PDB file of all heavy atoms in Angstrom:
ATOM      1  N   LEU A   1       0.822  -1.212   0.000  1.00  0.00           N
ATOM      2  CA  LEU A   1      -0.002   0.003  -0.001  1.00  0.00           C
ATOM      3  C   LEU A   1       0.858   1.264   0.000  1.00  0.00           C
ATOM      4  O   LEU A   1       0.336   2.371  -0.111  1.00  0.00           O
ATOM      5  CB  LEU A   1      -0.937   0.002   1.212  1.00  0.00           C
ATOM      6  CG  LEU A   1      -1.905  -1.180   1.290  1.00  0.00           C
ATOM      7  CD1 LEU A   1      -2.718  -1.122   2.579  1.00  0.00           C
ATOM      8  CD2 LEU A   1      -2.805  -1.216   0.072  1.00  0.00           C
ATOM      9  N   ASN A   2       2.183   1.115   0.110  1.00  0.00           N
ATOM     10  CA  ASN A   2       3.101   2.254   0.116  1.00  0.00           C
ATOM     11  C   ASN A   2       3.130   2.944  -1.245  1.00  0.00           C
ATOM     12  O   ASN A   2       3.166   2.293  -2.284  1.00  0.00           O
ATOM     13  CB  ASN A   2       4.520   1.750   0.458  1.00  0.00           C
ATOM     14  CG  ASN A   2       5.554   2.839   0.322  1.00  0.00           C
ATOM     15  OD1 ASN A   2       5.441   3.885   0.943  1.00  0.00           O
ATOM     16  ND2 ASN A   2       6.564   2.598  -0.494  1.00  0.00           N
ATOM     17  N   ASN A   3       3.126   4.285  -1.237  1.00  0.00           N
ATOM     18  CA  ASN A   3       3.235   5.062  -2.466  1.00  0.00           C
ATOM     19  C   ASN A   3       4.502   5.902  -2.523  1.00  0.00           C
ATOM     20  O   ASN A   3       4.744   6.582  -3.503  1.00  0.00           O
ATOM     21  CB  ASN A   3       2.015   5.980  -2.634  1.00  0.00           C
ATOM     22  CG  ASN A   3       0.763   5.192  -2.907  1.00  0.00           C
ATOM     23  OD1 ASN A   3       0.785   4.236  -3.673  1.00  0.00           O
ATOM     24  ND2 ASN A   3      -0.330   5.554  -2.256  1.00  0.00           N
ATOM     25  N   ASP A   4       5.315   5.889  -1.458  1.00  0.00           N
ATOM     26  CA  ASP A   4       6.553   6.661  -1.413  1.00  0.00           C
ATOM     27  C   ASP A   4       7.702   5.772  -1.868  1.00  0.00           C
ATOM     28  O   ASP A   4       8.372   5.137  -1.060  1.00  0.00           O
ATOM     29  CB  ASP A   4       6.802   7.199   0.001  1.00  0.00           C
ATOM     30  CG  ASP A   4       8.061   8.048   0.100  1.00  0.00           C
ATOM     31  OD1 ASP A   4       8.731   8.250  -0.939  1.00  0.00           O
ATOM     32  OD2 ASP A   4       8.382   8.496   1.206  1.00  0.00           O
ATOM     33  N   TYR A   5       7.919   5.707  -3.171  1.00  0.00           N
ATOM     34  CA  TYR A   5       8.921   4.811  -3.726  1.00  0.00           C
ATOM     35  C   TYR A   5      10.349   5.273  -3.468  1.00  0.00           C
ATOM     36  O   TYR A   5      11.291   4.558  -3.799  1.00  0.00           O
ATOM     37  CB  TYR A   5       8.693   4.601  -5.213  1.00  0.00           C
ATOM     38  CG  TYR A   5       7.415   3.862  -5.545  1.00  0.00           C
ATOM     39  CD1 TYR A   5       6.855   3.945  -6.800  1.00  0.00           C
ATOM     40  CD2 TYR A   5       6.764   3.063  -4.606  1.00  0.00           C
ATOM     41  CE1 TYR A   5       5.690   3.257  -7.123  1.00  0.00           C
ATOM     42  CE2 TYR A   5       5.607   2.378  -4.914  1.00  0.00           C
ATOM     43  CZ  TYR A   5       5.080   2.480  -6.176  1.00  0.00           C
ATOM     44  OH  TYR A   5       3.929   1.798  -6.489  1.00  0.00           O
ATOM     45  N   SER A   6      10.540   6.441  -2.868  1.00  0.00           N
ATOM     46  CA  SER A   6      11.901   6.871  -2.540  1.00  0.00           C
ATOM     47  C   SER A   6      12.471   6.028  -1.390  1.00  0.00           C
ATOM     48  O   SER A   6      13.674   5.891  -1.260  1.00  0.00           O
ATOM     49  CB  SER A   6      11.925   8.352  -2.159  1.00  0.00           C
ATOM     50  OG  SER A   6      11.253   8.573  -0.925  1.00  0.00           O
ATOM     51  N   LYS A   7      11.604   5.453  -0.556  1.00  0.00           N
ATOM     52  CA  LYS A   7      12.047   4.632   0.579  1.00  0.00           C
ATOM     53  C   LYS A   7      12.082   3.150   0.221  1.00  0.00           C
ATOM     54  O   LYS A   7      12.990   2.435   0.588  1.00  0.00           O
ATOM     55  CB  LYS A   7      11.141   4.856   1.774  1.00  0.00           C
ATOM     56  CG  LYS A   7      11.141   6.311   2.223  1.00  0.00           C
ATOM     57  CD  LYS A   7      10.724   6.436   3.650  1.00  0.00           C
ATOM     58  CE  LYS A   7      10.618   7.881   4.042  1.00  0.00           C
ATOM     59  NZ  LYS A   7      11.870   8.491   4.350  1.00  0.00           N
ATOM     60  N   TYR A   8      11.072   2.679  -0.493  1.00  0.00           N
ATOM     61  CA  TYR A   8      11.023   1.301  -0.986  1.00  0.00           C
ATOM     62  C   TYR A   8       9.839   1.170  -1.935  1.00  0.00           C
ATOM     63  O   TYR A   8       8.929   2.000  -1.947  1.00  0.00           O
ATOM     64  CB  TYR A   8      10.903   0.281   0.147  1.00  0.00           C
ATOM     65  CG  TYR A   8       9.565   0.281   0.873  1.00  0.00           C
ATOM     66  CD1 TYR A   8       8.516  -0.512   0.443  1.00  0.00           C
ATOM     67  CD2 TYR A   8       9.348   1.094   1.980  1.00  0.00           C
ATOM     68  CE1 TYR A   8       7.284  -0.511   1.094  1.00  0.00           C
ATOM     69  CE2 TYR A   8       8.131   1.108   2.635  1.00  0.00           C
ATOM     70  CZ  TYR A   8       7.105   0.292   2.194  1.00  0.00           C
ATOM     71  OH  TYR A   8       5.899   0.307   2.832  1.00  0.00           O
ATOM     72  N   LYS A   9       9.873   0.117  -2.724  1.00  0.00           N
ATOM     73  CA  LYS A   9       8.765  -0.206  -3.622  1.00  0.00           C
ATOM     74  C   LYS A   9       8.442  -1.684  -3.420  1.00  0.00           C
ATOM     75  O   LYS A   9       9.321  -2.541  -3.528  1.00  0.00           O
ATOM     76  CB  LYS A   9       9.160   0.061  -5.072  1.00  0.00           C
ATOM     77  CG  LYS A   9       8.048  -0.163  -6.069  1.00  0.00           C
ATOM     78  CD  LYS A   9       8.502   0.230  -7.466  1.00  0.00           C
ATOM     79  CE  LYS A   9       7.380   0.052  -8.469  1.00  0.00           C
ATOM     80  NZ  LYS A   9       7.816   0.439  -9.826  1.00  0.00           N
ATOM     81  N   PHE A  10       7.202  -1.971  -3.100  1.00  0.00           N
ATOM     82  CA  PHE A  10       6.741  -3.345  -2.884  1.00  0.00           C
ATOM     83  C   PHE A  10       5.493  -3.508  -3.732  1.00  0.00           C
ATOM     84  O   PHE A  10       4.478  -2.856  -3.479  1.00  0.00           O
ATOM     85  CB  PHE A  10       6.454  -3.557  -1.405  1.00  0.00           C
ATOM     86  CG  PHE A  10       6.268  -4.996  -0.990  1.00  0.00           C
ATOM     87  CD1 PHE A  10       6.725  -6.059  -1.750  1.00  0.00           C
ATOM     88  CD2 PHE A  10       5.640  -5.294   0.205  1.00  0.00           C
ATOM     89  CE1 PHE A  10       6.558  -7.368  -1.347  1.00  0.00           C
ATOM     90  CE2 PHE A  10       5.465  -6.592   0.629  1.00  0.00           C
ATOM     91  CZ  PHE A  10       5.930  -7.635  -0.153  1.00  0.00           C
ATOM     92  N   VAL A  11       5.557  -4.335  -4.749  1.00  0.00           N
ATOM     93  CA  VAL A  11       4.459  -4.448  -5.702  1.00  0.00           C
ATOM     94  C   VAL A  11       4.075  -5.914  -5.907  1.00  0.00           C
ATOM     95  O   VAL A  11       4.863  -6.821  -5.694  1.00  0.00           O
ATOM     96  CB  VAL A  11       4.812  -3.801  -7.065  1.00  0.00           C
ATOM     97  CG1 VAL A  11       4.980  -2.302  -6.929  1.00  0.00           C
ATOM     98  CG2 VAL A  11       6.050  -4.422  -7.659  1.00  0.00           C
ATOM     99  N   ILE A  12       2.830  -6.079  -6.358  1.00  0.00           N
ATOM    100  CA  ILE A  12       2.292  -7.400  -6.676  1.00  0.00           C
ATOM    101  C   ILE A  12       1.987  -7.457  -8.161  1.00  0.00           C
ATOM    102  O   ILE A  12       1.325  -6.569  -8.694  1.00  0.00           O
ATOM    103  CB  ILE A  12       0.995  -7.677  -5.877  1.00  0.00           C
ATOM    104  CG1 ILE A  12       1.274  -7.713  -4.385  1.00  0.00           C
ATOM    105  CG2 ILE A  12       0.357  -8.990  -6.337  1.00  0.00           C
ATOM    106  CD1 ILE A  12       0.026  -7.913  -3.534  1.00  0.00           C
ATOM    107  N   ASP A  13       2.455  -8.502  -8.833  1.00  0.00           N
ATOM    108  CA  ASP A  13       2.063  -8.805 -10.207  1.00  0.00           C
ATOM    109  C   ASP A  13       0.939  -9.826 -10.058  1.00  0.00           C
ATOM    110  O   ASP A  13       1.183 -11.032  -9.928  1.00  0.00           O
ATOM    111  CB  ASP A  13       3.244  -9.376 -10.985  1.00  0.00           C
ATOM    112  CG  ASP A  13       2.887  -9.735 -12.418  1.00  0.00           C
ATOM    113  OD1 ASP A  13       1.682  -9.749 -12.770  1.00  0.00           O
ATOM    114  OD2 ASP A  13       3.809 -10.028 -13.187  1.00  0.00           O
ATOM    115  N   VAL A  14      -0.300  -9.353 -10.027  1.00  0.00           N
ATOM    116  CA  VAL A  14      -1.436 -10.189  -9.629  1.00  0.00           C
ATOM    117  C   VAL A  14      -1.608 -11.434 -10.484  1.00  0.00           C
ATOM    118  O   VAL A  14      -1.816 -12.527  -9.965  1.00  0.00           O
ATOM    119  CB  VAL A  14      -2.752  -9.373  -9.566  1.00  0.00           C
ATOM    120  CG1 VAL A  14      -2.683  -8.329  -8.489  1.00  0.00           C
ATOM    121  CG2 VAL A  14      -3.092  -8.748 -10.897  1.00  0.00           C
ATOM    122  N   ALA A  15      -1.523 -11.299 -11.789  1.00  0.00           N
ATOM    123  CA  ALA A  15      -1.771 -12.435 -12.676  1.00  0.00           C
ATOM    124  C   ALA A  15      -0.665 -13.480 -12.595  1.00  0.00           C
ATOM    125  O   ALA A  15      -0.905 -14.668 -12.800  1.00  0.00           O
ATOM    126  CB  ALA A  15      -1.929 -11.945 -14.110  1.00  0.00           C
ATOM    127  N   GLN A  16       0.542 -13.067 -12.292  1.00  0.00           N
ATOM    128  CA  GLN A  16       1.682 -13.987 -12.243  1.00  0.00           C
ATOM    129  C   GLN A  16       2.015 -14.451 -10.824  1.00  0.00           C
ATOM    130  O   GLN A  16       2.990 -15.162 -10.614  1.00  0.00           O
ATOM    131  CB  GLN A  16       2.910 -13.326 -12.873  1.00  0.00           C
ATOM    132  CG  GLN A  16       2.742 -13.030 -14.348  1.00  0.00           C
ATOM    133  CD  GLN A  16       2.429 -14.285 -15.152  1.00  0.00           C
ATOM    134  OE1 GLN A  16       3.086 -15.319 -15.003  1.00  0.00           O
ATOM    135  NE2 GLN A  16       1.407 -14.229 -15.984  1.00  0.00           N
ATOM    136  N   GLY A  17       1.222 -14.016  -9.834  1.00  0.00           N
ATOM    137  CA  GLY A  17       1.481 -14.425  -8.460  1.00  0.00           C
ATOM    138  C   GLY A  17       2.786 -13.907  -7.917  1.00  0.00           C
ATOM    139  O   GLY A  17       3.368 -14.483  -7.004  1.00  0.00           O
ATOM    140  N   GLY A  18       3.262 -12.816  -8.476  1.00  0.00           N
ATOM    141  CA  GLY A  18       4.580 -12.301  -8.122  1.00  0.00           C
ATOM    142  C   GLY A  18       4.561 -11.189  -7.102  1.00  0.00           C
ATOM    143  O   GLY A  18       3.654 -10.362  -7.071  1.00  0.00           O
ATOM    144  N   LEU A  19       5.561 -11.202  -6.240  1.00  0.00           N
ATOM    145  CA  LEU A  19       5.798 -10.137  -5.264  1.00  0.00           C
ATOM    146  C   LEU A  19       7.222  -9.655  -5.464  1.00  0.00           C
ATOM    147  O   LEU A  19       8.150 -10.476  -5.553  1.00  0.00           O
ATOM    148  CB  LEU A  19       5.657 -10.675  -3.836  1.00  0.00           C
ATOM    149  CG  LEU A  19       4.318 -11.255  -3.456  1.00  0.00           C
ATOM    150  CD1 LEU A  19       4.465 -12.131  -2.228  1.00  0.00           C
ATOM    151  CD2 LEU A  19       3.349 -10.136  -3.189  1.00  0.00           C
ATOM    152  N   THR A  20       7.406  -8.337  -5.545  1.00  0.00           N
ATOM    153  CA  THR A  20       8.749  -7.779  -5.703  1.00  0.00           C
ATOM    154  C   THR A  20       8.940  -6.647  -4.715  1.00  0.00           C
ATOM    155  O   THR A  20       8.134  -5.716  -4.668  1.00  0.00           O
ATOM    156  CB  THR A  20       8.982  -7.265  -7.137  1.00  0.00           C
ATOM    157  OG1 THR A  20       8.766  -8.340  -8.053  1.00  0.00           O
ATOM    158  CG2 THR A  20      10.399  -6.734  -7.308  1.00  0.00           C
ATOM    159  N   LEU A  21      10.012  -6.751  -3.929  1.00  0.00           N
ATOM    160  CA  LEU A  21      10.401  -5.703  -2.991  1.00  0.00           C
ATOM    161  C   LEU A  21      11.704  -5.100  -3.498  1.00  0.00           C
ATOM    162  O   LEU A  21      12.674  -5.821  -3.752  1.00  0.00           O
ATOM    163  CB  LEU A  21      10.609  -6.274  -1.585  1.00  0.00           C
ATOM    164  CG  LEU A  21      11.170  -5.310  -0.537  1.00  0.00           C
ATOM    165  CD1 LEU A  21      10.193  -4.176  -0.247  1.00  0.00           C
ATOM    166  CD2 LEU A  21      11.526  -6.054   0.740  1.00  0.00           C
ATOM    167  N   LEU A  22      11.707  -3.769  -3.677  1.00  0.00           N
ATOM    168  CA  LEU A  22      12.891  -3.052  -4.119  1.00  0.00           C
ATOM    169  C   LEU A  22      13.280  -2.046  -3.044  1.00  0.00           C
ATOM    170  O   LEU A  22      12.459  -1.203  -2.654  1.00  0.00           O
ATOM    171  CB  LEU A  22      12.621  -2.316  -5.428  1.00  0.00           C
ATOM    172  CG  LEU A  22      12.159  -3.175  -6.594  1.00  0.00           C
ATOM    173  CD1 LEU A  22      11.573  -2.315  -7.704  1.00  0.00           C
ATOM    174  CD2 LEU A  22      13.316  -3.993  -7.123  1.00  0.00           C
ATOM    175  N   LEU A  23      14.523  -2.137  -2.563  1.00  0.00           N
ATOM    176  CA  LEU A  23      15.044  -1.193  -1.576  1.00  0.00           C
ATOM    177  C   LEU A  23      16.196  -0.432  -2.221  1.00  0.00           C
ATOM    178  O   LEU A  23      17.168  -1.051  -2.675  1.00  0.00           O
ATOM    179  CB  LEU A  23      15.572  -1.928  -0.337  1.00  0.00           C
ATOM    180  CG  LEU A  23      14.603  -2.819   0.417  1.00  0.00           C
ATOM    181  CD1 LEU A  23      15.320  -3.551   1.533  1.00  0.00           C
ATOM    182  CD2 LEU A  23      13.459  -1.999   0.967  1.00  0.00           C
ATOM    183  N   PRO A  24      16.118   0.887  -2.282  1.00  0.00           N
ATOM    184  CA  PRO A  24      17.237   1.649  -2.846  1.00  0.00           C
ATOM    185  C   PRO A  24      18.420   1.682  -1.880  1.00  0.00           C
ATOM    186  O   PRO A  24      18.272   1.458  -0.675  1.00  0.00           O
ATOM    187  CB  PRO A  24      16.641   3.049  -3.053  1.00  0.00           C
ATOM    188  CG  PRO A  24      15.547   3.149  -2.053  1.00  0.00           C
ATOM    189  CD  PRO A  24      15.003   1.750  -1.890  1.00  0.00           C
ATOM    190  N   ALA A  25      19.586   1.988  -2.403  1.00  0.00           N
ATOM    191  CA  ALA A  25      20.794   2.059  -1.583  1.00  0.00           C
ATOM    192  C   ALA A  25      20.640   3.080  -0.464  1.00  0.00           C
ATOM    193  O   ALA A  25      21.168   2.886   0.635  1.00  0.00           O
ATOM    194  CB  ALA A  25      21.995   2.400  -2.457  1.00  0.00           C
ATOM    195  N   SER A  26      19.886   4.149  -0.708  1.00  0.00           N
ATOM    196  CA  SER A  26      19.696   5.172   0.328  1.00  0.00           C
ATOM    197  C   SER A  26      18.945   4.621   1.542  1.00  0.00           C
ATOM    198  O   SER A  26      19.118   5.106   2.657  1.00  0.00           O
ATOM    199  CB  SER A  26      18.950   6.380  -0.248  1.00  0.00           C
ATOM    200  OG  SER A  26      17.703   5.995  -0.781  1.00  0.00           O
ATOM    201  N   THR A  27      18.129   3.600   1.342  1.00  0.00           N
ATOM    202  CA  THR A  27      17.418   2.963   2.458  1.00  0.00           C
ATOM    203  C   THR A  27      18.325   1.964   3.174  1.00  0.00           C
ATOM    204  O   THR A  27      18.460   2.002   4.393  1.00  0.00           O
ATOM    205  CB  THR A  27      16.152   2.257   1.951  1.00  0.00           C
ATOM    206  OG1 THR A  27      15.240   3.245   1.460  1.00  0.00           O
ATOM    207  CG2 THR A  27      15.465   1.478   3.064  1.00  0.00           C
ATOM    208  N   THR A  28      18.970   1.084   2.428  1.00  0.00           N
ATOM    209  CA  THR A  28      19.801   0.069   3.074  1.00  0.00           C
ATOM    210  C   THR A  28      21.049   0.672   3.715  1.00  0.00           C
ATOM    211  O   THR A  28      21.620   0.074   4.625  1.00  0.00           O
ATOM    212  CB  THR A  28      20.238  -1.037   2.085  1.00  0.00           C
ATOM    213  OG1 THR A  28      21.124  -0.495   1.104  1.00  0.00           O
ATOM    214  CG2 THR A  28      19.032  -1.679   1.422  1.00  0.00           C
ATOM    215  N   ASN A  29      21.463   1.834   3.269  1.00  0.00           N
ATOM    216  CA  ASN A  29      22.628   2.494   3.858  1.00  0.00           C
ATOM    217  C   ASN A  29      22.404   2.792   5.344  1.00  0.00           C
ATOM    218  O   ASN A  29      23.364   2.839   6.121  1.00  0.00           O
ATOM    219  CB  ASN A  29      22.944   3.779   3.101  1.00  0.00           C
ATOM    220  CG  ASN A  29      24.285   4.344   3.493  1.00  0.00           C
ATOM    221  OD1 ASN A  29      25.285   3.636   3.461  1.00  0.00           O
ATOM    222  ND2 ASN A  29      24.311   5.606   3.884  1.00  0.00           N
ATOM    223  N   ASN A  30      21.158   2.981   5.735  1.00  0.00           N
ATOM    224  CA  ASN A  30      20.828   3.296   7.130  1.00  0.00           C
ATOM    225  C   ASN A  30      20.641   2.055   8.001  1.00  0.00           C
ATOM    226  O   ASN A  30      20.403   2.188   9.203  1.00  0.00           O
ATOM    227  CB  ASN A  30      19.569   4.158   7.193  1.00  0.00           C
ATOM    228  CG  ASN A  30      19.773   5.491   6.535  1.00  0.00           C
ATOM    229  OD1 ASN A  30      20.806   6.124   6.698  1.00  0.00           O
ATOM    230  ND2 ASN A  30      18.793   5.927   5.755  1.00  0.00           N
ATOM    231  N   TYR A  31      20.731   0.870   7.436  1.00  0.00           N
ATOM    232  CA  TYR A  31      20.548  -0.345   8.214  1.00  0.00           C
ATOM    233  C   TYR A  31      21.806  -0.632   9.029  1.00  0.00           C
ATOM    234  O   TYR A  31      22.914  -0.674   8.490  1.00  0.00           O
ATOM    235  CB  TYR A  31      20.242  -1.534   7.315  1.00  0.00           C
ATOM    236  CG  TYR A  31      18.867  -1.507   6.683  1.00  0.00           C
ATOM    237  CD1 TYR A  31      18.499  -2.446   5.755  1.00  0.00           C
ATOM    238  CD2 TYR A  31      17.940  -0.541   7.020  1.00  0.00           C
ATOM    239  CE1 TYR A  31      17.240  -2.431   5.177  1.00  0.00           C
ATOM    240  CE2 TYR A  31      16.678  -0.517   6.451  1.00  0.00           C
ATOM    241  CZ  TYR A  31      16.341  -1.466   5.531  1.00  0.00           C
ATOM    242  OH  TYR A  31      15.093  -1.456   4.962  1.00  0.00           O
ATOM    243  N   THR A  32      21.623  -0.856  10.309  1.00  0.00           N
ATOM    244  CA  THR A  32      22.752  -1.142  11.191  1.00  0.00           C
ATOM    245  C   THR A  32      22.647  -2.534  11.817  1.00  0.00           C
ATOM    246  O   THR A  32      23.527  -2.929  12.557  1.00  0.00           O
ATOM    247  CB  THR A  32      22.838  -0.095  12.326  1.00  0.00           C
ATOM    248  OG1 THR A  32      21.601  -0.091  13.046  1.00  0.00           O
ATOM    249  CG2 THR A  32      23.106   1.291  11.772  1.00  0.00           C
ATOM    250  N   PHE A  33      21.606  -3.270  11.511  1.00  0.00           N
ATOM    251  CA  PHE A  33      21.436  -4.608  12.079  1.00  0.00           C
ATOM    252  C   PHE A  33      22.214  -5.630  11.245  1.00  0.00           C
ATOM    253  O   PHE A  33      22.467  -5.423  10.063  1.00  0.00           O
ATOM    254  CB  PHE A  33      19.959  -4.983  12.152  1.00  0.00           C
ATOM    255  CG  PHE A  33      19.227  -4.915  10.840  1.00  0.00           C
ATOM    256  CD1 PHE A  33      19.139  -6.044  10.030  1.00  0.00           C
ATOM    257  CD2 PHE A  33      18.616  -3.750  10.411  1.00  0.00           C
ATOM    258  CE1 PHE A  33      18.466  -5.998   8.817  1.00  0.00           C
ATOM    259  CE2 PHE A  33      17.936  -3.691   9.206  1.00  0.00           C
ATOM    260  CZ  PHE A  33      17.867  -4.820   8.411  1.00  0.00           C
ATOM    261  N   SER A  34      22.605  -6.722  11.888  1.00  0.00           N
ATOM    262  CA  SER A  34      23.326  -7.765  11.161  1.00  0.00           C
ATOM    263  C   SER A  34      22.440  -8.984  10.876  1.00  0.00           C
ATOM    264  O   SER A  34      22.725  -9.744   9.962  1.00  0.00           O
ATOM    265  CB  SER A  34      24.577  -8.204  11.928  1.00  0.00           C
ATOM    266  OG  SER A  34      24.217  -8.664  13.209  1.00  0.00           O
ATOM    267  N   ASN A  35      21.372  -9.159  11.645  1.00  0.00           N
ATOM    268  CA  ASN A  35      20.434 -10.256  11.442  1.00  0.00           C
ATOM    269  C   ASN A  35      19.018  -9.774  11.722  1.00  0.00           C
ATOM    270  O   ASN A  35      18.822  -8.876  12.534  1.00  0.00           O
ATOM    271  CB  ASN A  35      20.735 -11.430  12.384  1.00  0.00           C
ATOM    272  CG  ASN A  35      22.009 -12.132  12.045  1.00  0.00           C
ATOM    273  OD1 ASN A  35      22.130 -12.692  10.961  1.00  0.00           O
ATOM    274  ND2 ASN A  35      22.973 -12.099  12.948  1.00  0.00           N
ATOM    275  N   ALA A  36      18.078 -10.404  11.062  1.00  0.00           N
ATOM    276  CA  ALA A  36      16.672 -10.078  11.284  1.00  0.00           C
ATOM    277  C   ALA A  36      15.841 -11.321  10.982  1.00  0.00           C
ATOM    278  O   ALA A  36      16.242 -12.185  10.215  1.00  0.00           O
ATOM    279  CB  ALA A  36      16.234  -8.920  10.392  1.00  0.00           C
ATOM    280  N   LYS A  37      14.682 -11.378  11.594  1.00  0.00           N
ATOM    281  CA  LYS A  37      13.672 -12.389  11.268  1.00  0.00           C
ATOM    282  C   LYS A  37      12.599 -11.665  10.479  1.00  0.00           C
ATOM    283  O   LYS A  37      12.350 -10.484  10.686  1.00  0.00           O
ATOM    284  CB  LYS A  37      13.066 -12.973  12.547  1.00  0.00           C
ATOM    285  CG  LYS A  37      14.047 -13.649  13.446  1.00  0.00           C
ATOM    286  CD  LYS A  37      14.390 -15.000  12.940  1.00  0.00           C
ATOM    287  CE  LYS A  37      15.281 -15.710  13.957  1.00  0.00           C
ATOM    288  NZ  LYS A  37      15.676 -17.005  13.496  1.00  0.00           N
ATOM    289  N   TYR A  38      11.948 -12.358   9.588  1.00  0.00           N
ATOM    290  CA  TYR A  38      10.907 -11.694   8.805  1.00  0.00           C
ATOM    291  C   TYR A  38       9.656 -12.537   8.734  1.00  0.00           C
ATOM    292  O   TYR A  38       9.671 -13.753   8.926  1.00  0.00           O
ATOM    293  CB  TYR A  38      11.403 -11.337   7.405  1.00  0.00           C
ATOM    294  CG  TYR A  38      11.585 -12.529   6.490  1.00  0.00           C
ATOM    295  CD1 TYR A  38      10.546 -12.984   5.682  1.00  0.00           C
ATOM    296  CD2 TYR A  38      12.794 -13.204   6.436  1.00  0.00           C
ATOM    297  CE1 TYR A  38      10.715 -14.069   4.874  1.00  0.00           C
ATOM    298  CE2 TYR A  38      12.958 -14.307   5.616  1.00  0.00           C
ATOM    299  CZ  TYR A  38      11.921 -14.726   4.842  1.00  0.00           C
ATOM    300  OH  TYR A  38      12.081 -15.817   4.031  1.00  0.00           O
ATOM    301  N   ASP A  39       8.570 -11.863   8.399  1.00  0.00           N
ATOM    302  CA  ASP A  39       7.279 -12.507   8.222  1.00  0.00           C
ATOM    303  C   ASP A  39       6.626 -11.850   7.020  1.00  0.00           C
ATOM    304  O   ASP A  39       6.552 -10.617   6.936  1.00  0.00           O
ATOM    305  CB  ASP A  39       6.422 -12.320   9.474  1.00  0.00           C
ATOM    306  CG  ASP A  39       5.120 -13.096   9.413  1.00  0.00           C
ATOM    307  OD1 ASP A  39       5.131 -14.239   8.909  1.00  0.00           O
ATOM    308  OD2 ASP A  39       4.098 -12.556   9.834  1.00  0.00           O
ATOM    309  N   LEU A  40       6.164 -12.643   6.081  1.00  0.00           N
ATOM    310  CA  LEU A  40       5.465 -12.151   4.897  1.00  0.00           C
ATOM    311  C   LEU A  40       4.015 -12.581   5.007  1.00  0.00           C
ATOM    312  O   LEU A  40       3.724 -13.764   5.181  1.00  0.00           O
ATOM    313  CB  LEU A  40       6.077 -12.729   3.614  1.00  0.00           C
ATOM    314  CG  LEU A  40       5.347 -12.415   2.315  1.00  0.00           C
ATOM    315  CD1 LEU A  40       5.323 -10.919   2.045  1.00  0.00           C
ATOM    316  CD2 LEU A  40       5.995 -13.165   1.150  1.00  0.00           C
ATOM    317  N   GLU A  41       3.112 -11.601   4.908  1.00  0.00           N
ATOM    318  CA  GLU A  41       1.681 -11.877   5.005  1.00  0.00           C
ATOM    319  C   GLU A  41       0.981 -11.383   3.742  1.00  0.00           C
ATOM    320  O   GLU A  41       1.276 -10.295   3.267  1.00  0.00           O
ATOM    321  CB  GLU A  41       1.081 -11.161   6.207  1.00  0.00           C
ATOM    322  CG  GLU A  41       1.663 -11.596   7.524  1.00  0.00           C
ATOM    323  CD  GLU A  41       1.165 -10.739   8.669  1.00  0.00           C
ATOM    324  OE1 GLU A  41       1.640  -9.602   8.776  1.00  0.00           O
ATOM    325  OE2 GLU A  41       0.303 -11.220   9.412  1.00  0.00           O
ATOM    326  N   LEU A  42       0.061 -12.178   3.246  1.00  0.00           N
ATOM    327  CA  LEU A  42      -0.817 -11.788   2.144  1.00  0.00           C
ATOM    328  C   LEU A  42      -2.233 -11.730   2.671  1.00  0.00           C
ATOM    329  O   LEU A  42      -2.655 -12.599   3.422  1.00  0.00           O
ATOM    330  CB  LEU A  42      -0.759 -12.811   1.013  1.00  0.00           C
ATOM    331  CG  LEU A  42       0.545 -12.876   0.217  1.00  0.00           C
ATOM    332  CD1 LEU A  42       0.536 -14.074  -0.695  1.00  0.00           C
ATOM    333  CD2 LEU A  42       0.718 -11.594  -0.574  1.00  0.00           C
ATOM    334  N   GLN A  43      -2.946 -10.673   2.273  1.00  0.00           N
ATOM    335  CA  GLN A  43      -4.332 -10.529   2.724  1.00  0.00           C
ATOM    336  C   GLN A  43      -5.206 -10.208   1.536  1.00  0.00           C
ATOM    337  O   GLN A  43      -4.882  -9.341   0.729  1.00  0.00           O
ATOM    338  CB  GLN A  43      -4.432  -9.411   3.769  1.00  0.00           C
ATOM    339  CG  GLN A  43      -5.818  -9.257   4.333  1.00  0.00           C
ATOM    340  CD  GLN A  43      -5.856  -8.205   5.442  1.00  0.00           C
ATOM    341  OE1 GLN A  43      -4.868  -7.603   5.802  1.00  0.00           O
ATOM    342  NE2 GLN A  43      -7.036  -7.993   5.953  1.00  0.00           N
TER     343      GLN A  43
END
């Protein structure tokens, strides 16, 4: 539901069942963690 693509872009290709997350270097540059757990939810 995000529309601010300067921070990240997360889109669904509905017909192909595809999910794509794009993070620009300006976003990942601020990451200071070395490990993370994640959860992906579809609604």
